[in-house]
């Protein structure tokens, strides 16, 4: 016995296909684990003197989802985001995202730009509060698939998958309202026989 698909399910599948990486070939690939060091002038990658910034990003089409981790020199203070703590949209090689601090629920707008083999992070605002999201940073892609604990990475992957699905469903509902499917019996051609009448 076959299972029929509802119009909303079909639209959701179409939206997911449209947002797939293949369909969005014009967008840069931001997915993966990215790491950067923020050091004082003249210092290069000294754990005791440099801060570290990590982004773990998942991408589906033009949507971006992920988490961050920031630690000051010597890991004296940290800002570790939840799963997920980053969500946004990509336009060509630039992603405009909202990052949520792990120290306090502060939302910060930021721009992530793909420049060759690296990412350039640029915070777009500086709200007051206890957070450690850096004003700017350059990050390189790690050879490792993840820099987070395996359990957290699984949670992040599942959370981002859920975010992508919900956004696709919302887009499908929006499209259905803008371009509703024809109702059965509506728009039949002149040669279509009329519906059978009941007994008089």
N, C-alpha and C. Protein backbone atom coordinates (compact mmCIF):
# COMPACT_ATOMS: atom_id res chain seq x y z
N UNK A 1 0.85 -1.19 0.00
CA UNK A 1 0.00 0.00 0.00
C UNK A 1 0.88 1.24 0.00
N UNK A 2 0.68 2.10 -0.97
CA UNK A 2 1.51 3.29 -1.07
C UNK A 2 1.01 4.37 -0.14
N UNK A 3 1.92 5.23 0.29
CA UNK A 3 1.58 6.34 1.18
C UNK A 3 1.61 7.62 0.37
N UNK A 4 0.47 8.32 0.26
CA UNK A 4 0.42 9.55 -0.51
C UNK A 4 1.05 10.68 0.27
N UNK A 5 1.66 11.64 -0.45
CA UNK A 5 2.30 12.79 0.16
C UNK A 5 1.38 13.99 0.08
N UNK A 6 1.28 14.73 1.17
CA UNK A 6 0.45 15.93 1.18
C UNK A 6 1.14 17.03 0.40
N UNK A 7 0.38 18.02 -0.08
CA UNK A 7 1.01 19.15 -0.79
C UNK A 7 2.07 19.83 0.04
N UNK A 8 1.86 19.99 1.38
CA UNK A 8 2.85 20.65 2.22
C UNK A 8 4.13 19.84 2.30
N UNK A 9 3.99 18.49 2.37
CA UNK A 9 5.18 17.63 2.40
C UNK A 9 5.97 17.77 1.11
N UNK A 10 5.26 17.80 -0.02
CA UNK A 10 5.93 17.95 -1.30
C UNK A 10 6.65 19.29 -1.39
N UNK A 11 6.00 20.35 -0.90
CA UNK A 11 6.62 21.67 -0.93
C UNK A 11 7.84 21.72 -0.02
N UNK A 12 7.75 21.03 1.13
CA UNK A 12 8.89 20.98 2.05
C UNK A 12 10.07 20.28 1.40
N UNK A 13 9.80 19.15 0.73
CA UNK A 13 10.87 18.42 0.05
C UNK A 13 11.49 19.28 -1.04
N UNK A 14 10.66 20.04 -1.75
CA UNK A 14 11.17 20.92 -2.80
C UNK A 14 12.04 22.01 -2.20
N UNK A 15 11.59 22.58 -1.08
CA UNK A 15 12.36 23.64 -0.43
C UNK A 15 13.71 23.12 0.04
N UNK A 16 13.73 21.90 0.59
CA UNK A 16 14.99 21.31 1.02
C UNK A 16 15.91 21.08 -0.16
N UNK A 17 15.35 20.65 -1.28
CA UNK A 17 16.16 20.42 -2.47
C UNK A 17 16.74 21.72 -3.00
N UNK A 18 15.93 22.78 -2.97
CA UNK A 18 16.39 24.08 -3.46
C UNK A 18 17.51 24.61 -2.58
N UNK A 19 17.44 24.31 -1.26
CA UNK A 19 18.44 24.82 -0.34
C UNK A 19 19.65 23.90 -0.21
N UNK A 20 19.69 22.82 -0.98
CA UNK A 20 20.80 21.89 -0.87
C UNK A 20 22.08 22.52 -1.41
N UNK A 21 23.26 22.03 -0.99
CA UNK A 21 24.51 22.60 -1.46
C UNK A 21 24.65 22.56 -2.97
N UNK A 22 24.09 21.55 -3.63
CA UNK A 22 24.22 21.47 -5.08
C UNK A 22 23.46 22.61 -5.74
N UNK A 23 22.26 22.90 -5.23
CA UNK A 23 21.44 23.95 -5.82
C UNK A 23 22.00 25.32 -5.52
N UNK A 24 22.82 25.44 -4.48
CA UNK A 24 23.35 26.73 -4.09
C UNK A 24 24.84 26.81 -4.38
N UNK A 25 25.20 26.41 -5.59
CA UNK A 25 26.60 26.37 -5.97
C UNK A 25 27.22 27.75 -5.99
N UNK A 26 26.39 28.82 -6.07
CA UNK A 26 26.91 30.16 -6.11
C UNK A 26 27.31 30.66 -4.73
N UNK A 27 27.01 29.91 -3.67
CA UNK A 27 27.38 30.29 -2.31
C UNK A 27 28.68 29.61 -1.91
N UNK A 28 29.51 30.32 -1.13
CA UNK A 28 30.76 29.75 -0.65
C UNK A 28 30.47 28.66 0.37
N UNK A 29 31.44 27.77 0.57
CA UNK A 29 31.29 26.67 1.52
C UNK A 29 31.88 27.10 2.87
N UNK A 30 31.02 27.28 3.86
CA UNK A 30 31.45 27.69 5.20
C UNK A 30 31.53 26.51 6.16
N UNK A 31 31.09 25.34 5.75
CA UNK A 31 30.98 24.21 6.67
C UNK A 31 32.35 23.74 7.15
N UNK A 32 32.37 23.22 8.39
CA UNK A 32 33.60 22.69 8.94
C UNK A 32 33.98 23.33 10.26
N UNK A 33 35.15 22.94 10.76
CA UNK A 33 35.69 23.49 12.01
C UNK A 33 36.76 24.53 11.66
N UNK A 34 36.62 25.72 12.23
CA UNK A 34 37.52 26.83 11.94
C UNK A 34 38.14 27.33 13.24
N UNK A 35 39.42 27.66 13.20
CA UNK A 35 40.11 28.09 14.41
C UNK A 35 41.00 29.29 14.12
N UNK A 36 41.05 30.21 15.07
CA UNK A 36 41.88 31.39 14.92
C UNK A 36 42.52 31.78 16.24
N UNK A 37 43.67 32.45 16.16
CA UNK A 37 44.37 32.95 17.34
C UNK A 37 44.39 34.48 17.28
N UNK A 38 44.08 35.11 18.39
CA UNK A 38 44.09 36.57 18.48
C UNK A 38 45.20 36.94 19.45
N UNK A 39 46.28 37.48 18.90
CA UNK A 39 47.50 37.69 19.67
C UNK A 39 47.87 39.17 19.75
N UNK A 40 48.62 39.56 20.78
CA UNK A 40 49.15 40.92 20.84
C UNK A 40 50.14 41.15 19.70
N UNK A 41 50.40 42.41 19.33
CA UNK A 41 51.36 42.69 18.26
C UNK A 41 52.72 42.04 18.54
N UNK A 42 53.26 41.38 17.52
CA UNK A 42 54.57 40.75 17.65
C UNK A 42 54.56 39.37 18.25
N UNK A 43 53.39 38.87 18.65
CA UNK A 43 53.28 37.54 19.25
C UNK A 43 52.53 36.62 18.29
N UNK A 44 53.01 35.41 18.13
CA UNK A 44 52.38 34.45 17.23
C UNK A 44 52.07 33.15 17.97
N UNK A 45 50.76 32.87 18.10
CA UNK A 45 50.26 31.59 18.61
C UNK A 45 50.95 31.13 19.90
N UNK A 46 50.99 32.00 20.87
CA UNK A 46 51.48 31.66 22.20
C UNK A 46 50.27 31.47 23.10
N UNK A 47 50.08 30.24 23.61
CA UNK A 47 48.89 29.94 24.40
C UNK A 47 48.76 30.86 25.60
N UNK A 48 49.89 31.24 26.18
CA UNK A 48 49.85 32.09 27.36
C UNK A 48 49.55 33.54 27.05
N UNK A 49 49.67 33.94 25.77
CA UNK A 49 49.47 35.35 25.42
C UNK A 49 48.37 35.57 24.38
N UNK A 50 47.90 34.51 23.73
CA UNK A 50 46.92 34.65 22.66
C UNK A 50 45.57 34.07 23.07
N UNK A 51 44.52 34.74 22.61
CA UNK A 51 43.17 34.19 22.77
C UNK A 51 42.90 33.24 21.61
N UNK A 52 41.98 32.31 21.80
CA UNK A 52 41.62 31.38 20.73
C UNK A 52 40.13 31.47 20.44
N UNK A 53 39.79 31.31 19.17
CA UNK A 53 38.40 31.44 18.72
C UNK A 53 38.11 30.29 17.78
N UNK A 54 37.05 29.55 18.08
CA UNK A 54 36.67 28.38 17.27
C UNK A 54 35.24 28.53 16.79
N UNK A 55 35.02 28.26 15.52
CA UNK A 55 33.67 28.19 14.94
C UNK A 55 33.47 26.81 14.35
N UNK A 56 32.36 26.19 14.69
CA UNK A 56 31.97 24.91 14.08
C UNK A 56 30.68 25.17 13.31
N UNK A 57 30.74 25.07 11.98
CA UNK A 57 29.63 25.52 11.15
C UNK A 57 29.06 24.39 10.30
N UNK A 58 27.73 24.37 10.21
CA UNK A 58 27.01 23.46 9.32
C UNK A 58 26.23 24.31 8.33
N UNK A 59 26.24 23.89 7.07
CA UNK A 59 25.60 24.68 6.01
C UNK A 59 24.65 23.82 5.21
N UNK A 60 23.49 24.38 4.90
CA UNK A 60 22.57 23.75 3.96
C UNK A 60 22.09 24.83 3.02
N UNK A 61 22.59 24.78 1.80
CA UNK A 61 22.25 25.83 0.84
C UNK A 61 22.78 27.17 1.32
N UNK A 62 21.87 28.12 1.51
CA UNK A 62 22.25 29.45 1.96
C UNK A 62 22.04 29.65 3.46
N UNK A 63 21.67 28.60 4.16
CA UNK A 63 21.47 28.70 5.60
C UNK A 63 22.72 28.22 6.34
N UNK A 64 23.03 28.91 7.44
CA UNK A 64 24.22 28.58 8.22
C UNK A 64 23.83 28.41 9.69
N UNK A 65 24.40 27.39 10.31
CA UNK A 65 24.09 27.08 11.71
C UNK A 65 25.36 26.53 12.34
N UNK A 66 25.59 26.84 13.61
CA UNK A 66 26.79 26.33 14.24
C UNK A 66 26.93 26.76 15.68
N UNK A 67 28.16 26.63 16.18
CA UNK A 67 28.46 26.99 17.56
C UNK A 67 29.86 27.60 17.61
N UNK A 68 30.11 28.32 18.70
CA UNK A 68 31.40 28.99 18.86
C UNK A 68 32.03 28.65 20.21
N UNK A 69 33.32 28.89 20.30
CA UNK A 69 34.04 28.78 21.57
C UNK A 69 35.16 29.81 21.55
N UNK A 70 35.20 30.64 22.59
CA UNK A 70 36.26 31.66 22.69
C UNK A 70 36.89 31.55 24.07
N UNK A 71 38.22 31.62 24.12
CA UNK A 71 38.92 31.62 25.40
C UNK A 71 40.03 32.66 25.37
N UNK A 72 40.17 33.38 26.47
CA UNK A 72 41.23 34.37 26.57
C UNK A 72 42.57 33.66 26.76
N UNK A 73 43.64 34.44 26.75
CA UNK A 73 44.98 33.87 26.91
C UNK A 73 45.06 33.04 28.18
N UNK A 74 45.60 31.83 28.05
CA UNK A 74 45.70 30.94 29.18
C UNK A 74 44.39 30.34 29.61
N UNK A 75 43.34 30.54 28.80
CA UNK A 75 42.00 30.02 29.09
C UNK A 75 41.48 30.49 30.45
N UNK A 76 41.82 31.75 30.79
CA UNK A 76 41.36 32.29 32.06
C UNK A 76 39.85 32.56 32.04
N UNK A 77 39.34 32.98 30.88
CA UNK A 77 37.90 33.23 30.73
C UNK A 77 37.45 32.62 29.42
N UNK A 78 36.25 32.09 29.40
CA UNK A 78 35.73 31.44 28.19
C UNK A 78 34.31 31.89 27.88
N UNK A 79 33.96 31.77 26.61
CA UNK A 79 32.59 32.01 26.14
C UNK A 79 32.27 30.87 25.18
N UNK A 80 31.52 29.89 25.66
CA UNK A 80 31.20 28.71 24.85
C UNK A 80 29.72 28.70 24.55
N UNK A 81 29.40 28.72 23.27
CA UNK A 81 28.01 28.77 22.85
C UNK A 81 27.30 27.44 22.97
N UNK A 82 25.98 27.51 22.99
CA UNK A 82 25.16 26.31 23.05
C UNK A 82 25.07 25.67 21.67
N UNK A 83 24.30 24.60 21.57
CA UNK A 83 24.10 23.93 20.29
C UNK A 83 22.68 24.19 19.80
N UNK A 84 22.47 25.12 18.87
CA UNK A 84 23.47 25.99 18.24
C UNK A 84 23.53 27.37 18.90
N UNK A 85 24.61 28.10 18.63
CA UNK A 85 24.73 29.48 19.09
C UNK A 85 24.90 30.46 17.94
N UNK A 86 24.97 29.94 16.71
CA UNK A 86 25.13 30.77 15.52
C UNK A 86 24.09 30.36 14.49
N UNK A 87 23.42 31.35 13.93
CA UNK A 87 22.40 31.08 12.91
C UNK A 87 22.36 32.26 11.96
N UNK A 88 22.31 32.00 10.66
CA UNK A 88 22.28 33.10 9.71
C UNK A 88 22.09 32.64 8.28
N UNK A 89 22.30 33.58 7.37
CA UNK A 89 22.08 33.33 5.95
C UNK A 89 23.27 33.81 5.15
N UNK A 90 23.58 33.06 4.08
CA UNK A 90 24.74 33.34 3.24
C UNK A 90 24.30 34.00 1.95
N UNK A 91 25.02 35.05 1.57
CA UNK A 91 24.85 35.67 0.26
C UNK A 91 26.22 35.67 -0.42
N UNK A 92 26.37 34.81 -1.41
CA UNK A 92 27.64 34.61 -2.11
C UNK A 92 28.73 34.20 -1.11
N UNK A 93 29.68 35.09 -0.78
CA UNK A 93 30.77 34.70 0.11
C UNK A 93 30.69 35.38 1.47
N UNK A 94 29.52 35.91 1.82
CA UNK A 94 29.34 36.59 3.10
C UNK A 94 28.14 36.00 3.84
N UNK A 95 28.33 35.68 5.11
CA UNK A 95 27.24 35.19 5.95
C UNK A 95 26.94 36.24 7.02
N UNK A 96 25.69 36.65 7.10
CA UNK A 96 25.24 37.54 8.16
C UNK A 96 24.56 36.68 9.22
N UNK A 97 25.11 36.69 10.43
CA UNK A 97 24.66 35.75 11.45
C UNK A 97 24.31 36.48 12.75
N UNK A 98 23.58 35.76 13.58
CA UNK A 98 23.35 36.15 14.97
C UNK A 98 24.08 35.15 15.85
N UNK A 99 24.97 35.64 16.70
CA UNK A 99 25.70 34.79 17.64
C UNK A 99 25.19 35.06 19.05
N UNK A 100 24.95 34.00 19.80
CA UNK A 100 24.44 34.12 21.16
C UNK A 100 25.54 33.71 22.14
N UNK A 101 25.90 34.62 23.02
CA UNK A 101 26.97 34.36 23.98
C UNK A 101 26.59 33.22 24.92
N UNK A 102 27.60 32.45 25.32
CA UNK A 102 27.37 31.39 26.28
C UNK A 102 27.51 31.86 27.72
N UNK A 103 28.01 33.07 27.92
CA UNK A 103 28.15 33.62 29.27
C UNK A 103 26.86 34.27 29.74
N UNK A 104 26.17 34.89 28.81
CA UNK A 104 24.88 35.53 29.08
C UNK A 104 24.09 35.47 27.78
N UNK A 105 22.77 35.43 27.84
CA UNK A 105 21.97 35.32 26.60
C UNK A 105 21.94 36.62 25.80
N UNK A 106 23.12 37.06 25.37
CA UNK A 106 23.24 38.29 24.59
C UNK A 106 23.38 37.93 23.13
N UNK A 107 22.53 38.52 22.30
CA UNK A 107 22.55 38.27 20.85
C UNK A 107 23.38 39.35 20.17
N UNK A 108 24.33 38.93 19.35
CA UNK A 108 25.26 39.85 18.70
C UNK A 108 25.25 39.59 17.19
N UNK A 109 25.05 40.63 16.40
CA UNK A 109 25.12 40.49 14.95
C UNK A 109 26.58 40.48 14.51
N UNK A 110 26.88 39.59 13.57
CA UNK A 110 28.25 39.48 13.06
C UNK A 110 28.23 39.12 11.59
N UNK A 111 29.34 39.42 10.93
CA UNK A 111 29.53 39.07 9.52
C UNK A 111 30.69 38.09 9.43
N UNK A 112 30.48 37.01 8.69
CA UNK A 112 31.54 36.04 8.44
C UNK A 112 31.77 36.01 6.93
N UNK A 113 32.97 36.36 6.52
CA UNK A 113 33.28 36.42 5.09
C UNK A 113 34.31 35.36 4.72
N UNK A 114 34.02 34.65 3.64
CA UNK A 114 34.95 33.64 3.13
C UNK A 114 35.96 34.33 2.22
N UNK A 115 37.22 34.28 2.58
CA UNK A 115 38.28 34.88 1.78
C UNK A 115 39.33 33.81 1.50
N UNK A 116 39.25 33.23 0.31
CA UNK A 116 40.16 32.15 -0.03
C UNK A 116 39.93 30.94 0.85
N UNK A 117 40.98 30.52 1.57
CA UNK A 117 40.87 29.34 2.43
C UNK A 117 40.61 29.71 3.88
N UNK A 118 40.27 30.96 4.15
CA UNK A 118 40.06 31.39 5.53
C UNK A 118 38.72 32.11 5.68
N UNK A 119 38.33 32.32 6.93
CA UNK A 119 37.13 33.09 7.25
C UNK A 119 37.54 34.35 7.99
N UNK A 120 36.85 35.44 7.69
CA UNK A 120 37.07 36.69 8.41
C UNK A 120 35.81 36.99 9.22
N UNK A 121 35.96 37.00 10.53
CA UNK A 121 34.86 37.29 11.46
C UNK A 121 34.88 38.78 11.79
N UNK A 122 33.73 39.44 11.70
CA UNK A 122 33.65 40.86 12.04
C UNK A 122 32.35 41.11 12.80
N UNK A 123 32.49 41.47 14.06
CA UNK A 123 31.32 41.77 14.87
C UNK A 123 30.71 43.09 14.42
N UNK A 124 29.39 43.12 14.24
CA UNK A 124 28.71 44.29 13.69
C UNK A 124 28.21 45.26 14.77
N UNK A 125 28.24 44.84 16.00
CA UNK A 125 27.75 45.69 17.08
C UNK A 125 28.46 45.32 18.37
N UNK A 126 28.35 46.20 19.36
CA UNK A 126 29.01 45.97 20.64
C UNK A 126 28.04 46.26 21.78
N UNK A 127 27.05 45.40 21.97
CA UNK A 127 26.10 45.62 23.06
C UNK A 127 26.77 45.47 24.42
N UNK A 128 26.22 46.14 25.41
CA UNK A 128 26.78 46.02 26.76
C UNK A 128 26.43 44.65 27.33
N UNK A 129 27.28 44.15 28.20
CA UNK A 129 27.01 42.86 28.81
C UNK A 129 28.27 42.02 28.92
N UNK A 130 28.14 40.88 29.57
CA UNK A 130 29.25 39.98 29.82
C UNK A 130 29.33 38.93 28.73
N UNK A 131 30.07 39.23 27.68
CA UNK A 131 30.29 38.27 26.59
C UNK A 131 31.71 38.45 26.07
N UNK A 132 32.21 37.44 25.37
CA UNK A 132 33.59 37.47 24.90
C UNK A 132 33.70 37.23 23.40
N UNK A 133 32.67 37.53 22.64
CA UNK A 133 32.75 37.40 21.19
C UNK A 133 33.67 38.50 20.66
N UNK A 134 34.74 38.14 19.94
CA UNK A 134 35.76 39.13 19.56
C UNK A 134 35.26 40.12 18.50
N UNK A 135 35.83 41.33 18.47
CA UNK A 135 35.45 42.31 17.44
C UNK A 135 35.79 41.81 16.04
N UNK A 136 36.95 41.17 15.90
CA UNK A 136 37.36 40.64 14.59
C UNK A 136 38.33 39.49 14.80
N UNK A 137 38.39 38.62 13.80
CA UNK A 137 39.30 37.47 13.87
C UNK A 137 39.40 36.84 12.49
N UNK A 138 40.56 36.28 12.20
CA UNK A 138 40.76 35.49 10.98
C UNK A 138 40.92 34.03 11.39
N UNK A 139 40.15 33.17 10.74
CA UNK A 139 40.15 31.75 11.12
C UNK A 139 40.54 30.88 9.93
N UNK A 140 41.28 29.83 10.22
CA UNK A 140 41.67 28.85 9.20
C UNK A 140 40.93 27.55 9.46
N UNK A 141 40.69 26.79 8.40
CA UNK A 141 39.95 25.54 8.52
C UNK A 141 40.84 24.47 9.13
N UNK A 142 40.31 23.80 10.14
CA UNK A 142 41.05 22.73 10.79
C UNK A 142 41.00 21.46 9.94
N UNK A 143 42.04 20.66 10.04
CA UNK A 143 42.04 19.37 9.34
C UNK A 143 41.11 18.38 10.03
N UNK A 144 40.80 18.65 11.30
CA UNK A 144 39.87 17.80 12.04
C UNK A 144 38.43 18.18 11.69
N UNK A 145 37.55 17.20 11.68
CA UNK A 145 36.15 17.46 11.37
C UNK A 145 35.47 18.25 12.48
N UNK A 146 35.92 18.07 13.70
CA UNK A 146 35.34 18.80 14.83
C UNK A 146 36.43 19.08 15.85
N UNK A 147 36.27 20.20 16.55
CA UNK A 147 37.17 20.55 17.65
C UNK A 147 36.44 20.51 18.98
N UNK A 148 35.18 20.07 18.94
CA UNK A 148 34.37 19.95 20.14
C UNK A 148 34.32 18.50 20.60
N UNK A 149 33.80 18.30 21.81
CA UNK A 149 33.61 16.94 22.32
C UNK A 149 32.62 16.20 21.44
N UNK A 150 32.80 14.89 21.23
CA UNK A 150 31.92 14.13 20.33
C UNK A 150 30.44 14.26 20.67
N UNK A 151 30.09 14.23 21.95
CA UNK A 151 28.68 14.32 22.33
C UNK A 151 28.09 15.69 21.96
N UNK A 152 28.88 16.76 22.19
CA UNK A 152 28.40 18.10 21.84
C UNK A 152 28.26 18.22 20.32
N UNK A 153 29.20 17.66 19.58
CA UNK A 153 29.13 17.72 18.12
C UNK A 153 27.88 17.02 17.61
N UNK A 154 27.52 15.89 18.21
CA UNK A 154 26.29 15.19 17.81
C UNK A 154 25.06 16.04 18.11
N UNK A 155 25.06 16.69 19.27
CA UNK A 155 23.94 17.57 19.63
C UNK A 155 23.84 18.74 18.65
N UNK A 156 24.99 19.31 18.30
CA UNK A 156 25.00 20.44 17.37
C UNK A 156 24.50 20.03 15.99
N UNK A 157 24.96 18.89 15.51
CA UNK A 157 24.54 18.42 14.19
C UNK A 157 23.04 18.17 14.15
N UNK A 158 22.50 17.55 15.21
CA UNK A 158 21.06 17.28 15.28
C UNK A 158 20.27 18.58 15.38
N UNK A 159 20.77 19.53 16.19
CA UNK A 159 20.07 20.80 16.36
C UNK A 159 20.03 21.59 15.05
N UNK A 160 21.15 21.62 14.33
CA UNK A 160 21.19 22.35 13.06
C UNK A 160 20.30 21.68 12.02
N UNK A 161 20.27 20.35 12.00
CA UNK A 161 19.38 19.64 11.08
C UNK A 161 17.93 20.01 11.35
N UNK A 162 17.57 20.11 12.63
CA UNK A 162 16.21 20.51 13.00
C UNK A 162 15.92 21.94 12.58
N UNK A 163 16.90 22.83 12.75
CA UNK A 163 16.74 24.23 12.33
C UNK A 163 16.51 24.30 10.83
N UNK A 164 17.31 23.58 10.06
CA UNK A 164 17.16 23.60 8.60
C UNK A 164 15.79 23.08 8.18
N UNK A 165 15.32 22.01 8.82
CA UNK A 165 14.02 21.43 8.49
C UNK A 165 12.89 22.41 8.80
N UNK A 166 12.93 23.03 9.97
CA UNK A 166 11.88 23.98 10.35
C UNK A 166 11.85 25.18 9.41
N UNK A 167 13.03 25.66 9.01
CA UNK A 167 13.08 26.80 8.10
C UNK A 167 12.54 26.41 6.73
N UNK A 168 12.83 25.18 6.28
CA UNK A 168 12.31 24.72 5.00
C UNK A 168 10.79 24.58 5.05
N UNK A 169 10.26 24.08 6.17
CA UNK A 169 8.81 23.95 6.31
C UNK A 169 8.14 25.32 6.34
N UNK A 170 8.76 26.28 7.03
CA UNK A 170 8.21 27.63 7.07
C UNK A 170 8.20 28.25 5.67
N UNK A 171 9.27 28.01 4.92
CA UNK A 171 9.33 28.53 3.55
C UNK A 171 8.28 27.87 2.67
N UNK A 172 8.05 26.56 2.89
CA UNK A 172 7.03 25.85 2.11
C UNK A 172 5.64 26.38 2.42
N UNK A 173 5.37 26.65 3.71
CA UNK A 173 4.06 27.21 4.06
C UNK A 173 3.87 28.59 3.45
N UNK A 174 4.93 29.38 3.47
CA UNK A 174 4.86 30.72 2.88
C UNK A 174 4.58 30.63 1.39
N UNK A 175 5.26 29.70 0.72
CA UNK A 175 5.05 29.53 -0.72
C UNK A 175 3.65 29.03 -1.01
N UNK A 176 3.13 28.15 -0.15
CA UNK A 176 1.78 27.62 -0.35
C UNK A 176 0.73 28.73 -0.23
N UNK A 177 0.96 29.69 0.67
CA UNK A 177 0.03 30.80 0.82
C UNK A 177 0.09 31.74 -0.37
N UNK A 178 1.29 31.90 -0.93
CA UNK A 178 1.46 32.80 -2.06
C UNK A 178 0.97 32.18 -3.36
N UNK A 179 1.13 30.86 -3.49
CA UNK A 179 0.77 30.17 -4.73
C UNK A 179 0.04 28.89 -4.38
N UNK A 180 -1.20 28.97 -3.93
CA UNK A 180 -1.93 27.78 -3.48
C UNK A 180 -2.16 26.80 -4.61
N UNK A 181 -2.17 25.51 -4.26
CA UNK A 181 -2.45 24.47 -5.24
C UNK A 181 -3.93 24.50 -5.62
N UNK A 182 -4.27 24.18 -6.88
CA UNK A 182 -5.68 24.19 -7.28
C UNK A 182 -6.48 23.13 -6.54
N UNK A 183 -7.70 23.48 -6.17
CA UNK A 183 -8.59 22.54 -5.50
C UNK A 183 -9.14 21.53 -6.50
N UNK A 184 -9.44 20.31 -6.06
CA UNK A 184 -10.02 19.31 -6.98
C UNK A 184 -11.31 19.83 -7.62
N UNK A 185 -11.41 19.68 -8.93
CA UNK A 185 -12.62 20.11 -9.64
C UNK A 185 -12.58 21.55 -10.10
N UNK A 186 -11.57 22.31 -9.65
CA UNK A 186 -11.49 23.72 -10.04
C UNK A 186 -10.60 23.82 -11.27
N UNK A 187 -11.03 24.60 -12.23
CA UNK A 187 -10.25 24.81 -13.44
C UNK A 187 -10.32 23.66 -14.42
N UNK A 188 -11.38 22.85 -14.37
CA UNK A 188 -11.51 21.75 -15.32
C UNK A 188 -11.82 22.30 -16.70
N UNK A 189 -11.31 21.64 -17.70
CA UNK A 189 -11.54 22.07 -19.07
C UNK A 189 -12.98 21.88 -19.50
N UNK A 190 -13.34 22.48 -20.65
CA UNK A 190 -14.72 22.38 -21.11
C UNK A 190 -15.15 20.97 -21.44
N UNK A 191 -14.18 20.08 -21.72
CA UNK A 191 -14.56 18.72 -22.08
C UNK A 191 -14.74 17.81 -20.89
N UNK A 192 -14.52 18.33 -19.68
CA UNK A 192 -14.64 17.49 -18.49
C UNK A 192 -16.09 17.26 -18.16
N UNK A 193 -16.52 16.02 -18.01
CA UNK A 193 -17.94 15.76 -17.73
C UNK A 193 -18.30 16.29 -16.36
N UNK A 194 -19.50 16.81 -16.17
CA UNK A 194 -19.93 17.32 -14.87
C UNK A 194 -20.06 16.19 -13.87
N UNK A 195 -19.99 16.56 -12.60
CA UNK A 195 -20.12 15.57 -11.54
C UNK A 195 -21.51 14.97 -11.57
N UNK A 196 -21.58 13.69 -11.22
CA UNK A 196 -22.88 13.02 -11.25
C UNK A 196 -23.82 13.65 -10.24
N UNK A 197 -25.07 13.86 -10.65
CA UNK A 197 -26.05 14.45 -9.75
C UNK A 197 -26.72 13.34 -8.94
N UNK A 198 -27.17 13.69 -7.80
CA UNK A 198 -27.86 12.73 -6.96
C UNK A 198 -29.25 12.44 -7.49
N UNK A 199 -29.88 11.41 -6.97
CA UNK A 199 -31.25 11.09 -7.38
C UNK A 199 -32.20 12.21 -7.01
N UNK A 200 -33.05 12.56 -7.94
CA UNK A 200 -34.05 13.60 -7.69
C UNK A 200 -35.22 13.02 -6.94
